Amino acid sequence: MKTTILSLAALTLLASCGTKEAETSVTNEETYSSMTLNIGDFQWTREPESCVKKGDTIEVVTKPHTDLWQRTYYHFQNDNAPVLQMKTREKFFSFIVKTDFAESHHRFDQCGVVMYLDSENWLKGSIEYENEEFQHLGSVATNHGYSDWATTAIPADVKSMWYRLSRREDDFCIECSTDGEAWSQMRVCHMYEAKDEISFGIYACSPEDSSFKAVFTNMQLTECAWKAHDGQQPD
């Protein structure tokens, strides 16, 4: 079957690197106010090869043989990708980040947005390098130890992407954008263990024998941009 390659454009970035645990909590969906994330709100679940902060930019260098995957199809379990996150009990919000991966060059090199609870329950969205012709824009939802992977092929010359992760209680939406203005839905999913406090943020990894620099900027925490469904009502 011939691979369909969708045309997408490119971009630039604003982020943070730190170790202090913090919590963001707001009373309800209606009163949530937009805010810029603080460096001190983030902590590493696992640290990368290196992390350098330059103003509002985070540069993460990946370690070889780092990945997030659980069982499905490949049967192996990989749970060693660096994840930089903050905690919240807020049930309605959106998290935005811009990624630059101009140095990705080896199969499966990737960086993006993540909601990592534990090794068997997590959600991520990213672009995975494949070859000089195309790469995969996609997302993985892992519930109770089993991952799935939904992707679409895009040109290999796309080297920047925005992501928006939105939470509505224990349901989530990941969107992508080439300009931070017009958003396209990548996935809507339910996360069984995301019932109260969650952690969310950024990640970068190189599943094979590779290493590259991923750059993160423009991180924002806003009111939930994924609005309540206005169609068929619940039974």
C-alpha atoms as a PDB file:
ATOM      1  CA  MET A   1       0.000   0.000   0.000  1.00  0.00           C
ATOM      2  CA  LYS A   2       1.353   3.423  -0.900  1.00  0.00           C
ATOM      3  CA  THR A   3       2.047   5.708   2.059  1.00  0.00           C
ATOM      4  CA  THR A   4       0.046   8.959   2.010  1.00  0.00           C
ATOM      5  CA  ILE A   5       2.154  11.945   3.052  1.00  0.00           C
ATOM      6  CA  LEU A   6       0.292  14.974   4.377  1.00  0.00           C
ATOM      7  CA  SER A   7       1.830  18.412   3.848  1.00  0.00           C
ATOM      8  CA  LEU A   8       2.648  20.384   7.026  1.00  0.00           C
ATOM      9  CA  ALA A   9       4.725  23.535   7.661  1.00  0.00           C
ATOM     10  CA  ALA A  10       7.451  24.430  10.253  1.00  0.00           C
ATOM     11  CA  LEU A  11       7.996  26.711  13.447  1.00  0.00           C
ATOM     12  CA  THR A  12      10.151  27.903  16.710  1.00  0.00           C
ATOM     13  CA  LEU A  13       9.661  27.839  20.861  1.00  0.00           C
ATOM     14  CA  LEU A  14       9.386  28.706  25.341  1.00  0.00           C
ATOM     15  CA  ALA A  15       9.826  26.176  28.348  1.00  0.00           C
ATOM     16  CA  SER A  16      11.427  25.039  31.707  1.00  0.00           C
ATOM     17  CA  CYS A  17      13.811  22.641  33.471  1.00  0.00           C
ATOM     18  CA  GLY A  18      13.723  21.887  37.195  1.00  0.00           C
ATOM     19  CA  THR A  19      13.280  19.448  40.052  1.00  0.00           C
ATOM     20  CA  LYS A  20      10.831  20.955  42.532  1.00  0.00           C
ATOM     21  CA  GLU A  21       7.444  19.255  42.937  1.00  0.00           C
ATOM     22  CA  ALA A  22       4.510  21.616  42.676  1.00  0.00           C
ATOM     23  CA  GLU A  23       0.787  21.554  42.270  1.00  0.00           C
ATOM     24  CA  THR A  24      -1.548  23.744  40.256  1.00  0.00           C
ATOM     25  CA  SER A  25      -5.141  23.737  41.338  1.00  0.00           C
ATOM     26  CA  VAL A  26      -8.029  25.962  40.376  1.00  0.00           C
ATOM     27  CA  THR A  27     -11.553  25.885  41.672  1.00  0.00           C
ATOM     28  CA  ASN A  28     -13.486  25.043  38.515  1.00  0.00           C
ATOM     29  CA  GLU A  29     -13.631  25.159  34.747  1.00  0.00           C
ATOM     30  CA  GLU A  30     -15.303  28.555  34.570  1.00  0.00           C
ATOM     31  CA  THR A  31     -12.870  30.443  36.797  1.00  0.00           C
ATOM     32  CA  TYR A  32      -9.667  28.967  35.380  1.00  0.00           C
ATOM     33  CA  SER A  33      -7.286  31.765  34.303  1.00  0.00           C
ATOM     34  CA  SER A  34      -4.486  31.511  31.734  1.00  0.00           C
ATOM     35  CA  MET A  35      -0.982  31.491  33.169  1.00  0.00           C
ATOM     36  CA  THR A  36       2.630  30.950  32.128  1.00  0.00           C
ATOM     37  CA  LEU A  37       4.202  27.842  33.616  1.00  0.00           C
ATOM     38  CA  ASN A  38       6.991  28.205  36.140  1.00  0.00           C
ATOM     39  CA  ILE A  39      10.294  26.310  35.986  1.00  0.00           C
ATOM     40  CA  GLY A  40       9.897  25.292  39.613  1.00  0.00           C
ATOM     41  CA  ASP A  41       6.640  23.471  38.814  1.00  0.00           C
ATOM     42  CA  PHE A  42       8.436  20.725  36.873  1.00  0.00           C
ATOM     43  CA  GLN A  43      10.357  17.649  37.964  1.00  0.00           C
ATOM     44  CA  TRP A  44      12.085  14.824  36.136  1.00  0.00           C
ATOM     45  CA  THR A  45      10.640  11.343  36.234  1.00  0.00           C
ATOM     46  CA  ARG A  46      13.867  10.269  34.543  1.00  0.00           C
ATOM     47  CA  GLU A  47      16.661  12.586  33.461  1.00  0.00           C
ATOM     48  CA  PRO A  48      17.996  12.817  29.878  1.00  0.00           C
ATOM     49  CA  GLU A  49      21.606  12.806  28.734  1.00  0.00           C
ATOM     50  CA  SER A  50      21.596  16.549  29.373  1.00  0.00           C
ATOM     51  CA  CYS A  51      19.160  19.422  29.824  1.00  0.00           C
ATOM     52  CA  VAL A  52      20.110  23.062  29.266  1.00  0.00           C
ATOM     53  CA  LYS A  53      17.839  26.020  29.933  1.00  0.00           C
ATOM     54  CA  LYS A  54      18.464  29.167  27.895  1.00  0.00           C
ATOM     55  CA  GLY A  55      16.006  31.839  28.928  1.00  0.00           C
ATOM     56  CA  ASP A  56      12.593  30.441  28.068  1.00  0.00           C
ATOM     57  CA  THR A  57      13.970  27.536  26.038  1.00  0.00           C
ATOM     58  CA  ILE A  58      14.729  23.985  27.155  1.00  0.00           C
ATOM     59  CA  GLU A  59      17.218  21.915  25.180  1.00  0.00           C
ATOM     60  CA  VAL A  60      17.108  18.190  25.941  1.00  0.00           C
ATOM     61  CA  VAL A  61      19.693  15.748  24.583  1.00  0.00           C
ATOM     62  CA  THR A  62      18.372  12.194  24.464  1.00  0.00           C
ATOM     63  CA  LYS A  63      20.085   9.007  25.551  1.00  0.00           C
ATOM     64  CA  PRO A  64      20.249   6.056  23.120  1.00  0.00           C
ATOM     65  CA  HIS A  65      17.812   3.164  23.710  1.00  0.00           C
ATOM     66  CA  THR A  66      15.223   5.240  25.609  1.00  0.00           C
ATOM     67  CA  ASP A  67      11.519   4.806  24.889  1.00  0.00           C
ATOM     68  CA  LEU A  68       7.947   4.494  26.169  1.00  0.00           C
ATOM     69  CA  TRP A  69       5.988   1.435  25.008  1.00  0.00           C
ATOM     70  CA  GLN A  70       3.994  -1.357  26.643  1.00  0.00           C
ATOM     71  CA  ARG A  71       3.486  -4.832  25.157  1.00  0.00           C
ATOM     72  CA  THR A  72       1.107  -4.405  22.193  1.00  0.00           C
ATOM     73  CA  TYR A  73       2.312  -6.026  18.937  1.00  0.00           C
ATOM     74  CA  TYR A  74       6.037  -5.766  19.744  1.00  0.00           C
ATOM     75  CA  HIS A  75       5.495  -7.597  23.066  1.00  0.00           C
ATOM     76  CA  PHE A  76       8.419  -5.796  24.708  1.00  0.00           C
ATOM     77  CA  GLN A  77       8.137  -3.224  27.508  1.00  0.00           C
ATOM     78  CA  ASN A  78      10.195  -0.013  27.360  1.00  0.00           C
ATOM     79  CA  ASP A  79       9.814   2.477  30.180  1.00  0.00           C
ATOM     80  CA  ASN A  80      12.948   4.602  30.395  1.00  0.00           C
ATOM     81  CA  ALA A  81      12.257   7.794  28.397  1.00  0.00           C
ATOM     82  CA  PRO A  82      13.070  11.088  30.165  1.00  0.00           C
ATOM     83  CA  VAL A  83       9.848  12.845  31.232  1.00  0.00           C
ATOM     84  CA  LEU A  84       9.705  16.400  32.652  1.00  0.00           C
ATOM     85  CA  GLN A  85       6.330  17.118  34.275  1.00  0.00           C
ATOM     86  CA  MET A  86       4.266  19.118  36.736  1.00  0.00           C
ATOM     87  CA  LYS A  87       1.375  17.870  38.886  1.00  0.00           C
ATOM     88  CA  THR A  88      -2.207  19.095  39.084  1.00  0.00           C
ATOM     89  CA  ARG A  89      -5.618  18.099  40.411  1.00  0.00           C
ATOM     90  CA  GLU A  90      -7.334  20.570  38.072  1.00  0.00           C
ATOM     91  CA  LYS A  91      -9.911  18.638  36.013  1.00  0.00           C
ATOM     92  CA  PHE A  92     -10.290  21.103  33.100  1.00  0.00           C
ATOM     93  CA  PHE A  93      -7.257  22.688  31.423  1.00  0.00           C
ATOM     94  CA  SER A  94      -5.082  22.776  28.309  1.00  0.00           C
ATOM     95  CA  PHE A  95      -1.287  22.528  28.151  1.00  0.00           C
ATOM     96  CA  ILE A  96       0.517  23.931  25.097  1.00  0.00           C
ATOM     97  CA  VAL A  97       4.129  23.438  24.013  1.00  0.00           C
ATOM     98  CA  LYS A  98       6.141  24.041  20.868  1.00  0.00           C
ATOM     99  CA  THR A  99       8.773  21.476  19.879  1.00  0.00           C
ATOM    100  CA  ASP A 100      11.766  21.770  17.567  1.00  0.00           C
ATOM    101  CA  PHE A 101      13.539  18.605  16.451  1.00  0.00           C
ATOM    102  CA  ALA A 102      15.758  19.786  13.596  1.00  0.00           C
ATOM    103  CA  GLU A 103      18.507  17.431  14.771  1.00  0.00           C
ATOM    104  CA  SER A 104      16.418  14.235  14.731  1.00  0.00           C
ATOM    105  CA  HIS A 105      18.039  11.882  12.244  1.00  0.00           C
ATOM    106  CA  HIS A 106      17.546   8.249  13.249  1.00  0.00           C
ATOM    107  CA  ARG A 107      14.525   5.956  13.167  1.00  0.00           C
ATOM    108  CA  PHE A 108      12.083   6.633  16.035  1.00  0.00           C
ATOM    109  CA  ASP A 109      13.851   9.781  17.375  1.00  0.00           C
ATOM    110  CA  GLN A 110      10.969  11.710  18.971  1.00  0.00           C
ATOM    111  CA  CYS A 111       9.891  14.517  21.284  1.00  0.00           C
ATOM    112  CA  GLY A 112       6.548  15.938  22.305  1.00  0.00           C
ATOM    113  CA  VAL A 113       3.841  16.235  24.932  1.00  0.00           C
ATOM    114  CA  VAL A 114       3.152  13.620  27.609  1.00  0.00           C
ATOM    115  CA  MET A 115       0.805  12.753  30.496  1.00  0.00           C
ATOM    116  CA  TYR A 116       2.718  10.082  32.421  1.00  0.00           C
ATOM    117  CA  LEU A 117       1.104   8.542  35.511  1.00  0.00           C
ATOM    118  CA  ASP A 118       3.146   5.344  35.848  1.00  0.00           C
ATOM    119  CA  SER A 119       4.758   2.724  33.619  1.00  0.00           C
ATOM    120  CA  GLU A 120       1.411   1.220  32.597  1.00  0.00           C
ATOM    121  CA  ASN A 121      -0.735   4.345  32.272  1.00  0.00           C
ATOM    122  CA  TRP A 122       0.334   7.249  30.103  1.00  0.00           C
ATOM    123  CA  LEU A 123      -0.416   9.301  26.988  1.00  0.00           C
ATOM    124  CA  LYS A 124       1.966  10.957  24.532  1.00  0.00           C
ATOM    125  CA  GLY A 125       1.906  12.891  21.252  1.00  0.00           C
ATOM    126  CA  SER A 126       4.928  13.479  19.021  1.00  0.00           C
ATOM    127  CA  ILE A 127       6.604  13.144  15.636  1.00  0.00           C
ATOM    128  CA  GLU A 128       8.829  10.094  15.183  1.00  0.00           C
ATOM    129  CA  TYR A 129      11.577  10.292  12.584  1.00  0.00           C
ATOM    130  CA  GLU A 130      11.486   7.440  10.065  1.00  0.00           C
ATOM    131  CA  ASN A 131      13.771   8.233   7.105  1.00  0.00           C
ATOM    132  CA  GLU A 132      14.763  11.038   4.729  1.00  0.00           C
ATOM    133  CA  GLU A 133      11.371  10.954   3.002  1.00  0.00           C
ATOM    134  CA  PHE A 134       8.754  10.754   5.755  1.00  0.00           C
ATOM    135  CA  GLN A 135       8.127  10.563   9.487  1.00  0.00           C
ATOM    136  CA  HIS A 136       5.158   9.740  11.728  1.00  0.00           C
ATOM    137  CA  LEU A 137       2.957  12.317  13.422  1.00  0.00           C
ATOM    138  CA  GLY A 138       1.102  10.326  16.035  1.00  0.00           C
ATOM    139  CA  SER A 139       0.015   9.560  19.564  1.00  0.00           C
ATOM    140  CA  VAL A 140       0.082   6.632  21.965  1.00  0.00           C
ATOM    141  CA  ALA A 141      -2.442   5.934  24.722  1.00  0.00           C
ATOM    142  CA  THR A 142      -1.394   3.295  27.249  1.00  0.00           C
ATOM    143  CA  ASN A 143      -4.034   1.971  29.626  1.00  0.00           C
ATOM    144  CA  HIS A 144      -3.392  -0.821  32.144  1.00  0.00           C
ATOM    145  CA  GLY A 145      -0.153  -1.898  30.498  1.00  0.00           C
ATOM    146  CA  TYR A 146      -1.133  -1.962  26.801  1.00  0.00           C
ATOM    147  CA  SER A 147      -0.167   0.701  24.260  1.00  0.00           C
ATOM    148  CA  ASP A 148      -1.752   1.673  20.974  1.00  0.00           C
ATOM    149  CA  TRP A 149      -0.220   3.889  18.293  1.00  0.00           C
ATOM    150  CA  ALA A 150      -2.227   6.077  15.892  1.00  0.00           C
ATOM    151  CA  THR A 151      -0.181   7.794  13.171  1.00  0.00           C
ATOM    152  CA  THR A 152      -0.185   9.591   9.868  1.00  0.00           C
ATOM    153  CA  ALA A 153       2.813  10.062   7.564  1.00  0.00           C
ATOM    154  CA  ILE A 154       4.139  13.595   7.079  1.00  0.00           C
ATOM    155  CA  PRO A 155       7.161  14.913   5.127  1.00  0.00           C
ATOM    156  CA  ALA A 156      10.582  14.446   6.700  1.00  0.00           C
ATOM    157  CA  ASP A 157      11.378  18.148   6.323  1.00  0.00           C
ATOM    158  CA  VAL A 158       8.856  19.120   9.020  1.00  0.00           C
ATOM    159  CA  LYS A 159      11.119  19.994  11.953  1.00  0.00           C
ATOM    160  CA  SER A 160       8.823  21.837  14.345  1.00  0.00           C
ATOM    161  CA  MET A 161       5.343  21.255  15.792  1.00  0.00           C
ATOM    162  CA  TRP A 162       3.020  22.659  18.461  1.00  0.00           C
ATOM    163  CA  TYR A 163       0.976  20.342  20.685  1.00  0.00           C
ATOM    164  CA  ARG A 164      -2.027  21.010  22.896  1.00  0.00           C
ATOM    165  CA  LEU A 165      -3.008  18.479  25.573  1.00  0.00           C
ATOM    166  CA  SER A 166      -6.459  19.083  27.060  1.00  0.00           C
ATOM    167  CA  ARG A 167      -8.098  17.425  30.058  1.00  0.00           C
ATOM    168  CA  ARG A 168     -11.803  17.094  30.815  1.00  0.00           C
ATOM    169  CA  GLU A 169     -11.816  15.003  34.006  1.00  0.00           C
ATOM    170  CA  ASP A 170     -10.509  11.556  32.943  1.00  0.00           C
ATOM    171  CA  ASP A 171     -10.884  12.178  29.195  1.00  0.00           C
ATOM    172  CA  PHE A 172      -8.116  13.756  27.121  1.00  0.00           C
ATOM    173  CA  CYS A 173      -7.564  15.342  23.716  1.00  0.00           C
ATOM    174  CA  ILE A 174      -4.256  15.865  21.886  1.00  0.00           C
ATOM    175  CA  GLU A 175      -4.074  18.402  19.058  1.00  0.00           C
ATOM    176  CA  CYS A 176      -1.232  19.640  16.852  1.00  0.00           C
ATOM    177  CA  SER A 177      -0.559  22.875  15.005  1.00  0.00           C
ATOM    178  CA  THR A 178       2.060  24.267  12.647  1.00  0.00           C
ATOM    179  CA  ASP A 179       1.577  27.852  13.841  1.00  0.00           C
ATOM    180  CA  GLY A 180       0.131  27.677  17.356  1.00  0.00           C
ATOM    181  CA  GLU A 181      -3.145  29.140  16.090  1.00  0.00           C
ATOM    182  CA  ALA A 182      -4.985  26.581  13.932  1.00  0.00           C
ATOM    183  CA  TRP A 183      -5.282  23.202  15.679  1.00  0.00           C
ATOM    184  CA  SER A 184      -5.981  19.719  14.290  1.00  0.00           C
ATOM    185  CA  GLN A 185      -7.239  16.873  16.463  1.00  0.00           C
ATOM    186  CA  MET A 186      -4.895  13.888  16.795  1.00  0.00           C
ATOM    187  CA  ARG A 187      -6.675  11.820  19.444  1.00  0.00           C
ATOM    188  CA  VAL A 188      -9.518  11.738  21.948  1.00  0.00           C
ATOM    189  CA  CYS A 189      -9.180   9.051  24.623  1.00  0.00           C
ATOM    190  CA  HIS A 190     -10.152   7.929  28.101  1.00  0.00           C
ATOM    191  CA  MET A 191      -7.437   7.345  30.688  1.00  0.00           C
ATOM    192  CA  TYR A 192      -8.740   4.971  33.329  1.00  0.00           C
ATOM    193  CA  GLU A 193      -6.320   5.953  36.093  1.00  0.00           C
ATOM    194  CA  ALA A 194      -6.467   9.743  35.562  1.00  0.00           C
ATOM    195  CA  LYS A 195      -9.180  10.255  38.145  1.00  0.00           C
ATOM    196  CA  ASP A 196      -7.602  12.850  40.425  1.00  0.00           C
ATOM    197  CA  GLU A 197      -4.028  14.141  40.466  1.00  0.00           C
ATOM    198  CA  ILE A 198      -2.118  13.720  37.217  1.00  0.00           C
ATOM    199  CA  SER A 199       1.302  14.694  35.889  1.00  0.00           C
ATOM    200  CA  PHE A 200       1.864  16.214  32.456  1.00  0.00           C
ATOM    201  CA  GLY A 201       4.629  17.898  30.491  1.00  0.00           C
ATOM    202  CA  ILE A 202       7.266  17.065  27.877  1.00  0.00           C
ATOM    203  CA  TYR A 203       9.457  14.141  26.864  1.00  0.00           C
ATOM    204  CA  ALA A 204      12.166  13.227  24.347  1.00  0.00           C
ATOM    205  CA  CYS A 205      13.764   9.870  23.563  1.00  0.00           C
ATOM    206  CA  SER A 206      15.732   7.811  21.047  1.00  0.00           C
ATOM    207  CA  PRO A 207      14.575   4.167  21.054  1.00  0.00           C
ATOM    208  CA  GLU A 208      17.466   2.919  18.909  1.00  0.00           C
ATOM    209  CA  ASP A 209      21.208   3.644  18.898  1.00  0.00           C
ATOM    210  CA  SER A 210      20.854   7.400  18.501  1.00  0.00           C
ATOM    211  CA  SER A 211      20.931  10.722  20.318  1.00  0.00           C
ATOM    212  CA  PHE A 212      19.626  14.146  19.295  1.00  0.00           C
ATOM    213  CA  LYS A 213      18.757  17.575  20.705  1.00  0.00           C
ATOM    214  CA  ALA A 214      15.081  18.413  21.215  1.00  0.00           C
ATOM    215  CA  VAL A 215      14.072  22.017  21.900  1.00  0.00           C
ATOM    216  CA  PHE A 216      10.920  23.050  23.804  1.00  0.00           C
ATOM    217  CA  THR A 217       9.419  26.561  24.018  1.00  0.00           C
ATOM    218  CA  ASN A 218       6.096  28.431  24.366  1.00  0.00           C
ATOM    219  CA  MET A 219       4.760  26.276  27.200  1.00  0.00           C
ATOM    220  CA  GLN A 220       1.428  27.573  28.468  1.00  0.00           C
ATOM    221  CA  LEU A 221      -1.287  26.433  30.831  1.00  0.00           C
ATOM    222  CA  THR A 222      -4.755  27.746  29.887  1.00  0.00           C
ATOM    223  CA  GLU A 223      -8.431  27.159  30.481  1.00  0.00           C
ATOM    224  CA  CYS A 224      -9.656  24.047  28.693  1.00  0.00           C
ATOM    225  CA  ALA A 225      -9.724  24.756  24.948  1.00  0.00           C
ATOM    226  CA  TRP A 226     -11.460  21.417  24.362  1.00  0.00           C
ATOM    227  CA  LYS A 227     -15.014  22.508  24.965  1.00  0.00           C
ATOM    228  CA  ALA A 228     -17.860  20.401  26.291  1.00  0.00           C
ATOM    229  CA  HIS A 229     -19.651  18.337  23.656  1.00  0.00           C
ATOM    230  CA  ASP A 230     -22.740  20.155  22.316  1.00  0.00           C
ATOM    231  CA  GLY A 231     -24.289  17.271  20.392  1.00  0.00           C
ATOM    232  CA  GLN A 232     -25.922  14.061  21.617  1.00  0.00           C
ATOM    233  CA  GLN A 233     -26.375  14.061  25.370  1.00  0.00           C
ATOM    234  CA  PRO A 234     -25.368  11.164  27.658  1.00  0.00           C
ATOM    235  CA  ASP A 235     -27.858   8.311  28.116  1.00  0.00           C
END
